[in-house]
Amino acid sequence: MVLGITPSTIVIFLKKGFIAPNPFSEFLTITGLQEGMKVRIFNLYGTLLYDGTASKKMEKIETDKWASGSYFVEVNNADQRSISFLVKQ
């Protein structure tokens, strides 16, 4: 838990998609994406670890080489932006 934020098992974004599992270890699955949506993942220090553009409705992101800790996932399209808090075990 960081700054009073408690992670949930599934994070819902933009009322259409979700990110799971949370906490995660070897991978993250993001569903409900639309083609062209931007996905960026940062650690708590603001270091960008993943920067991608969705080409399908589901993206599986390998995270096995990332350190344990807290991360922020930003998903956005042309008019909306969602930032979610996740934890890597």
N, C-alpha and C. Protein backbone atom coordinates (compact mmCIF):
# COMPACT_ATOMS: atom_id res chain seq x y z
N MET A 1 0.85 -1.18 0.00
CA MET A 1 0.00 0.00 0.00
C MET A 1 0.89 1.24 0.00
N VAL A 2 0.59 2.18 -0.88
CA VAL A 2 1.35 3.42 -1.00
C VAL A 2 0.39 4.59 -0.95
N LEU A 3 0.70 5.57 -0.11
CA LEU A 3 -0.12 6.78 -0.02
C LEU A 3 -1.59 6.49 0.19
N GLY A 4 -1.91 5.45 0.93
CA GLY A 4 -3.29 5.12 1.22
C GLY A 4 -4.05 4.49 0.07
N ILE A 5 -3.35 4.11 -0.99
CA ILE A 5 -4.00 3.46 -2.13
C ILE A 5 -3.89 1.96 -1.95
N THR A 6 -5.00 1.27 -1.97
CA THR A 6 -5.00 -0.17 -1.82
C THR A 6 -5.29 -0.80 -3.17
N PRO A 7 -4.44 -1.70 -3.65
CA PRO A 7 -4.69 -2.33 -4.94
C PRO A 7 -5.88 -3.29 -4.88
N SER A 8 -6.59 -3.38 -5.98
CA SER A 8 -7.65 -4.37 -6.09
C SER A 8 -7.16 -5.48 -7.02
N THR A 9 -7.84 -6.60 -7.02
CA THR A 9 -7.42 -7.73 -7.82
C THR A 9 -7.51 -7.43 -9.31
N ILE A 10 -8.55 -6.72 -9.71
CA ILE A 10 -8.74 -6.32 -11.10
C ILE A 10 -8.95 -4.81 -11.13
N VAL A 11 -8.22 -4.13 -11.97
CA VAL A 11 -8.36 -2.68 -12.10
C VAL A 11 -9.18 -2.37 -13.34
N ILE A 12 -10.24 -1.60 -13.18
CA ILE A 12 -11.11 -1.24 -14.30
C ILE A 12 -10.71 0.16 -14.78
N PHE A 13 -10.60 0.34 -16.10
CA PHE A 13 -10.25 1.64 -16.65
C PHE A 13 -11.20 2.04 -17.75
N LEU A 14 -11.44 3.33 -17.86
CA LEU A 14 -12.30 3.92 -18.89
C LEU A 14 -13.63 3.19 -19.03
N LYS A 15 -14.11 2.59 -17.93
CA LYS A 15 -15.41 1.90 -17.84
C LYS A 15 -15.58 0.74 -18.81
N LYS A 16 -14.52 0.37 -19.53
CA LYS A 16 -14.68 -0.68 -20.54
C LYS A 16 -13.65 -1.80 -20.40
N GLY A 17 -12.51 -1.52 -19.84
CA GLY A 17 -11.46 -2.51 -19.83
C GLY A 17 -10.97 -2.83 -18.44
N PHE A 18 -10.09 -3.81 -18.36
CA PHE A 18 -9.49 -4.10 -17.07
C PHE A 18 -8.06 -4.59 -17.22
N ILE A 19 -7.34 -4.47 -16.11
CA ILE A 19 -5.95 -4.88 -16.03
C ILE A 19 -5.87 -5.92 -14.93
N ALA A 20 -5.25 -7.06 -15.22
CA ALA A 20 -5.16 -8.14 -14.24
C ALA A 20 -3.90 -8.94 -14.50
N PRO A 21 -3.38 -9.67 -13.58
CA PRO A 21 -3.78 -9.70 -12.17
C PRO A 21 -3.16 -8.53 -11.42
N ASN A 22 -3.66 -8.27 -10.25
CA ASN A 22 -3.09 -7.27 -9.36
C ASN A 22 -3.22 -7.79 -7.94
N PRO A 23 -2.12 -8.15 -7.31
CA PRO A 23 -0.75 -7.97 -7.75
C PRO A 23 -0.37 -8.91 -8.89
N PHE A 24 0.68 -8.52 -9.63
CA PHE A 24 1.16 -9.32 -10.76
C PHE A 24 2.59 -9.77 -10.50
N SER A 25 3.07 -10.71 -11.33
CA SER A 25 4.45 -11.15 -11.18
C SER A 25 5.15 -11.25 -12.53
N GLU A 26 4.71 -12.13 -13.41
CA GLU A 26 5.41 -12.37 -14.67
C GLU A 26 4.82 -11.63 -15.86
N PHE A 27 3.56 -11.23 -15.77
CA PHE A 27 2.91 -10.55 -16.88
C PHE A 27 1.70 -9.76 -16.40
N LEU A 28 1.27 -8.83 -17.22
CA LEU A 28 0.01 -8.09 -17.04
C LEU A 28 -0.83 -8.32 -18.28
N THR A 29 -2.12 -8.47 -18.10
CA THR A 29 -3.04 -8.57 -19.23
C THR A 29 -3.97 -7.37 -19.18
N ILE A 30 -4.03 -6.65 -20.27
CA ILE A 30 -4.91 -5.49 -20.38
C ILE A 30 -5.93 -5.80 -21.46
N THR A 31 -7.21 -5.78 -21.10
CA THR A 31 -8.27 -6.06 -22.06
C THR A 31 -9.19 -4.86 -22.19
N GLY A 32 -10.03 -4.89 -23.20
CA GLY A 32 -10.96 -3.80 -23.44
C GLY A 32 -10.33 -2.63 -24.17
N LEU A 33 -9.19 -2.87 -24.76
CA LEU A 33 -8.49 -1.82 -25.51
C LEU A 33 -9.14 -1.62 -26.88
N GLN A 34 -8.92 -0.46 -27.43
CA GLN A 34 -9.31 -0.18 -28.81
C GLN A 34 -8.04 0.13 -29.58
N GLU A 35 -8.05 -0.21 -30.84
CA GLU A 35 -6.87 0.05 -31.67
C GLU A 35 -6.47 1.51 -31.58
N GLY A 36 -5.19 1.75 -31.35
CA GLY A 36 -4.68 3.10 -31.27
C GLY A 36 -4.55 3.66 -29.86
N MET A 37 -5.14 2.97 -28.87
CA MET A 37 -5.00 3.43 -27.49
C MET A 37 -3.54 3.33 -27.06
N LYS A 38 -3.10 4.31 -26.30
CA LYS A 38 -1.74 4.33 -25.78
C LYS A 38 -1.71 3.66 -24.41
N VAL A 39 -0.70 2.84 -24.18
CA VAL A 39 -0.49 2.20 -22.88
C VAL A 39 0.93 2.50 -22.44
N ARG A 40 1.06 3.10 -21.25
CA ARG A 40 2.38 3.39 -20.71
C ARG A 40 2.42 2.93 -19.26
N ILE A 41 3.55 2.37 -18.85
CA ILE A 41 3.71 1.89 -17.49
C ILE A 41 4.96 2.54 -16.88
N PHE A 42 4.78 3.10 -15.68
CA PHE A 42 5.85 3.79 -14.97
C PHE A 42 6.06 3.15 -13.59
N ASN A 43 7.30 3.21 -13.10
CA ASN A 43 7.51 2.85 -11.71
C ASN A 43 7.28 4.10 -10.86
N LEU A 44 7.41 3.97 -9.54
CA LEU A 44 7.14 5.10 -8.65
C LEU A 44 8.13 6.25 -8.80
N TYR A 45 9.28 5.99 -9.42
CA TYR A 45 10.26 7.03 -9.65
C TYR A 45 9.99 7.80 -10.94
N GLY A 46 8.95 7.39 -11.67
CA GLY A 46 8.61 8.05 -12.92
C GLY A 46 9.33 7.51 -14.14
N THR A 47 10.07 6.42 -13.95
CA THR A 47 10.77 5.79 -15.07
C THR A 47 9.78 5.06 -15.96
N LEU A 48 9.80 5.36 -17.24
CA LEU A 48 8.92 4.71 -18.21
C LEU A 48 9.48 3.33 -18.53
N LEU A 49 8.69 2.28 -18.23
CA LEU A 49 9.12 0.90 -18.47
C LEU A 49 8.46 0.28 -19.69
N TYR A 50 7.30 0.79 -20.06
CA TYR A 50 6.59 0.25 -21.22
C TYR A 50 5.87 1.39 -21.90
N ASP A 51 5.97 1.45 -23.22
CA ASP A 51 5.29 2.47 -24.00
C ASP A 51 4.81 1.81 -25.28
N GLY A 52 3.51 1.60 -25.39
CA GLY A 52 2.99 0.90 -26.56
C GLY A 52 1.67 1.47 -27.04
N THR A 53 1.32 1.08 -28.24
CA THR A 53 0.05 1.45 -28.85
C THR A 53 -0.71 0.16 -29.14
N ALA A 54 -1.94 0.09 -28.66
CA ALA A 54 -2.75 -1.12 -28.82
C ALA A 54 -3.05 -1.38 -30.29
N SER A 55 -2.88 -2.64 -30.70
CA SER A 55 -3.23 -3.03 -32.05
C SER A 55 -4.36 -4.07 -32.03
N LYS A 56 -4.75 -4.46 -30.83
CA LYS A 56 -5.85 -5.42 -30.66
C LYS A 56 -6.54 -5.14 -29.33
N LYS A 57 -7.60 -5.87 -29.02
CA LYS A 57 -8.39 -5.62 -27.82
C LYS A 57 -7.70 -6.07 -26.54
N MET A 58 -6.72 -6.95 -26.65
CA MET A 58 -6.03 -7.45 -25.46
C MET A 58 -4.52 -7.40 -25.68
N GLU A 59 -3.81 -6.92 -24.69
CA GLU A 59 -2.35 -6.90 -24.73
C GLU A 59 -1.83 -7.66 -23.51
N LYS A 60 -0.84 -8.50 -23.72
CA LYS A 60 -0.18 -9.20 -22.62
C LYS A 60 1.24 -8.66 -22.56
N ILE A 61 1.61 -8.10 -21.43
CA ILE A 61 2.89 -7.43 -21.27
C ILE A 61 3.76 -8.25 -20.33
N GLU A 62 4.93 -8.65 -20.80
CA GLU A 62 5.87 -9.41 -19.98
C GLU A 62 6.50 -8.49 -18.95
N THR A 63 6.49 -8.91 -17.69
CA THR A 63 7.01 -8.09 -16.60
C THR A 63 7.99 -8.85 -15.71
N ASP A 64 8.40 -10.03 -16.14
CA ASP A 64 9.23 -10.88 -15.29
C ASP A 64 10.58 -10.27 -14.92
N LYS A 65 11.08 -9.32 -15.70
CA LYS A 65 12.39 -8.71 -15.42
C LYS A 65 12.27 -7.42 -14.59
N TRP A 66 11.06 -7.01 -14.29
CA TRP A 66 10.86 -5.81 -13.50
C TRP A 66 11.04 -6.11 -12.02
N ALA A 67 11.48 -5.14 -11.26
CA ALA A 67 11.65 -5.28 -9.82
C ALA A 67 10.29 -5.31 -9.12
N SER A 68 10.25 -5.96 -7.99
CA SER A 68 9.04 -5.93 -7.16
C SER A 68 8.79 -4.50 -6.71
N GLY A 69 7.53 -4.13 -6.63
CA GLY A 69 7.21 -2.77 -6.20
C GLY A 69 5.92 -2.27 -6.80
N SER A 70 5.75 -0.97 -6.78
CA SER A 70 4.51 -0.33 -7.22
C SER A 70 4.69 0.31 -8.60
N TYR A 71 3.63 0.26 -9.39
CA TYR A 71 3.66 0.75 -10.76
C TYR A 71 2.36 1.47 -11.08
N PHE A 72 2.44 2.39 -12.03
CA PHE A 72 1.27 3.08 -12.54
C PHE A 72 1.10 2.74 -14.00
N VAL A 73 -0.13 2.39 -14.39
CA VAL A 73 -0.45 2.08 -15.77
C VAL A 73 -1.35 3.19 -16.29
N GLU A 74 -0.92 3.82 -17.37
CA GLU A 74 -1.70 4.88 -18.00
C GLU A 74 -2.25 4.35 -19.31
N VAL A 75 -3.56 4.44 -19.47
CA VAL A 75 -4.22 4.04 -20.71
C VAL A 75 -4.99 5.26 -21.19
N ASN A 76 -4.78 5.65 -22.45
CA ASN A 76 -5.54 6.79 -22.95
C ASN A 76 -5.87 6.65 -24.42
N ASN A 77 -6.93 7.35 -24.78
CA ASN A 77 -7.33 7.46 -26.18
C ASN A 77 -7.41 8.95 -26.48
N ALA A 78 -8.06 9.32 -27.54
CA ALA A 78 -8.08 10.71 -27.99
C ALA A 78 -8.68 11.67 -26.96
N ASP A 79 -9.66 11.21 -26.17
CA ASP A 79 -10.35 12.15 -25.28
C ASP A 79 -10.42 11.73 -23.82
N GLN A 80 -9.85 10.58 -23.45
CA GLN A 80 -9.90 10.12 -22.07
C GLN A 80 -8.56 9.55 -21.64
N ARG A 81 -8.31 9.63 -20.34
CA ARG A 81 -7.07 9.09 -19.79
C ARG A 81 -7.38 8.43 -18.46
N SER A 82 -6.78 7.27 -18.23
CA SER A 82 -6.98 6.54 -16.99
C SER A 82 -5.61 6.15 -16.44
N ILE A 83 -5.42 6.34 -15.15
CA ILE A 83 -4.19 5.93 -14.49
C ILE A 83 -4.54 4.96 -13.37
N SER A 84 -3.92 3.78 -13.39
CA SER A 84 -4.21 2.74 -12.41
C SER A 84 -2.96 2.39 -11.63
N PHE A 85 -3.14 1.99 -10.39
CA PHE A 85 -2.06 1.61 -9.49
C PHE A 85 -2.01 0.09 -9.40
N LEU A 86 -0.82 -0.48 -9.62
CA LEU A 86 -0.65 -1.93 -9.51
C LEU A 86 0.61 -2.25 -8.71
N VAL A 87 0.67 -3.49 -8.23
CA VAL A 87 1.80 -3.94 -7.43
C VAL A 87 2.38 -5.19 -8.04
N LYS A 88 3.72 -5.23 -8.14
CA LYS A 88 4.42 -6.43 -8.59
C LYS A 88 5.00 -7.14 -7.39
N GLN A 89 4.73 -8.43 -7.29
CA GLN A 89 5.26 -9.22 -6.18
C GLN A 89 6.62 -9.75 -6.51
